[in-house]
Amino acid sequence: MTDSNSTEVEYLVEYVDGPLAGTTERRALIDGEVDERIASIAAVRGLESIFWYVAGDERVVDDEKVVEYRFDAGDSDPVQSDPDEESL
């Protein structure tokens, strides 16, 4: 049985910019630590893309660790749109 002082096992990822801005997800802590970089796969305009994010500010909300992640455009798949396709 665990008590309220036990080690946390997960945290909340908050995407603050980039294609996933405004979304959240839960991730497991590894040895009590958050991931410095994470990759997320998402479909944008019907194409699966890999987006890399880098850890930033951390805070505690309602006894839960929340970590802001910022978009790393240089390492991510490009997010481009074709204006001709958007009008179809």
Protein backbone atom coordinates (compact mmCIF):
# COMPACT_ATOMS: atom_id res chain seq x y z
CA MET A 1 0.00 0.00 0.00
CA THR A 2 1.28 3.50 -0.83
CA ASP A 3 0.68 6.71 1.07
CA SER A 4 0.42 10.36 0.01
CA ASN A 5 4.19 10.79 0.48
CA SER A 6 5.05 8.09 -2.05
CA THR A 7 6.97 8.86 -5.21
CA GLU A 8 4.93 10.19 -8.10
CA VAL A 9 4.73 7.86 -11.08
CA GLU A 10 3.36 10.19 -13.75
CA TYR A 11 3.07 13.82 -14.73
CA LEU A 12 0.96 16.01 -16.99
CA VAL A 13 2.51 17.25 -20.24
CA GLU A 14 1.21 20.64 -21.38
CA TYR A 15 2.02 21.55 -24.99
CA VAL A 16 2.32 25.35 -25.02
CA ASP A 17 3.05 25.98 -28.70
CA GLY A 18 3.46 24.30 -32.07
CA PRO A 19 0.96 21.96 -33.72
CA LEU A 20 -0.13 20.43 -30.38
CA ALA A 21 -0.58 23.77 -28.55
CA GLY A 22 -3.32 23.68 -25.93
CA THR A 23 -3.37 19.90 -25.57
CA THR A 24 -2.21 17.75 -22.67
CA GLU A 25 -1.31 14.13 -22.03
CA ARG A 26 -0.02 12.01 -19.17
CA ARG A 27 3.47 10.53 -19.20
CA ALA A 28 5.32 8.23 -16.84
CA LEU A 29 8.16 9.59 -14.75
CA ILE A 30 11.39 7.65 -15.32
CA ASP A 31 13.27 7.25 -12.04
CA GLY A 32 11.24 10.19 -10.73
CA GLU A 33 12.33 12.47 -13.59
CA VAL A 34 10.46 14.03 -16.51
CA ASP A 35 11.63 13.52 -20.08
CA GLU A 36 13.79 16.41 -21.32
CA ARG A 37 12.61 15.80 -24.90
CA ILE A 38 9.55 13.97 -26.10
CA ALA A 39 8.24 13.01 -29.50
CA SER A 40 4.55 12.95 -30.34
CA ILE A 41 2.99 11.54 -33.47
CA ALA A 42 -0.06 13.39 -34.73
CA ALA A 43 -2.01 13.61 -37.97
CA VAL A 44 -1.99 17.05 -39.52
CA ARG A 45 -4.09 17.46 -42.65
CA GLY A 46 -4.32 13.69 -42.90
CA LEU A 47 -0.57 13.05 -42.75
CA GLU A 48 1.15 11.53 -39.73
CA SER A 49 3.99 13.70 -38.50
CA ILE A 50 6.52 13.47 -35.68
CA PHE A 51 6.75 16.55 -33.49
CA TRP A 52 9.55 17.04 -30.96
CA TYR A 53 9.07 19.06 -27.79
CA VAL A 54 11.53 20.21 -25.11
CA ALA A 55 10.73 20.42 -21.37
CA GLY A 56 10.40 23.87 -19.83
CA ASP A 57 8.78 25.23 -16.69
CA GLU A 58 7.42 22.83 -14.07
CA ARG A 59 4.72 23.52 -11.49
CA VAL A 60 2.43 21.63 -9.16
CA VAL A 61 -1.34 21.93 -9.61
CA ASP A 62 -3.65 20.07 -7.20
CA ASP A 63 -0.72 17.90 -6.04
CA GLU A 64 0.13 16.94 -9.63
CA LYS A 65 3.35 17.77 -11.48
CA VAL A 66 2.68 19.75 -14.69
CA VAL A 67 5.50 20.34 -17.19
CA GLU A 68 5.32 22.81 -20.08
CA TYR A 69 6.81 21.56 -23.34
CA ARG A 70 7.88 23.86 -26.17
CA PHE A 71 7.90 22.92 -29.85
CA ASP A 72 11.27 22.10 -31.45
CA ALA A 73 10.55 22.95 -35.09
CA GLY A 74 14.10 22.19 -36.24
CA ASP A 75 13.89 18.51 -35.33
CA SER A 76 10.20 18.02 -36.14
CA ASP A 77 8.55 17.07 -39.40
CA PRO A 78 7.59 20.20 -41.34
CA VAL A 79 4.04 21.45 -41.00
CA GLN A 80 3.22 22.84 -44.39
CA SER A 81 -0.01 23.38 -46.18
CA ASP A 82 -0.73 23.65 -49.86
CA PRO A 83 -3.09 26.60 -50.41
CA ASP A 84 -4.58 24.83 -53.46
CA GLU A 85 -5.51 21.78 -51.35
CA GLU A 86 -7.05 23.88 -48.57
CA SER A 87 -9.62 25.33 -50.98
CA LEU A 88 -10.83 21.91 -52.13
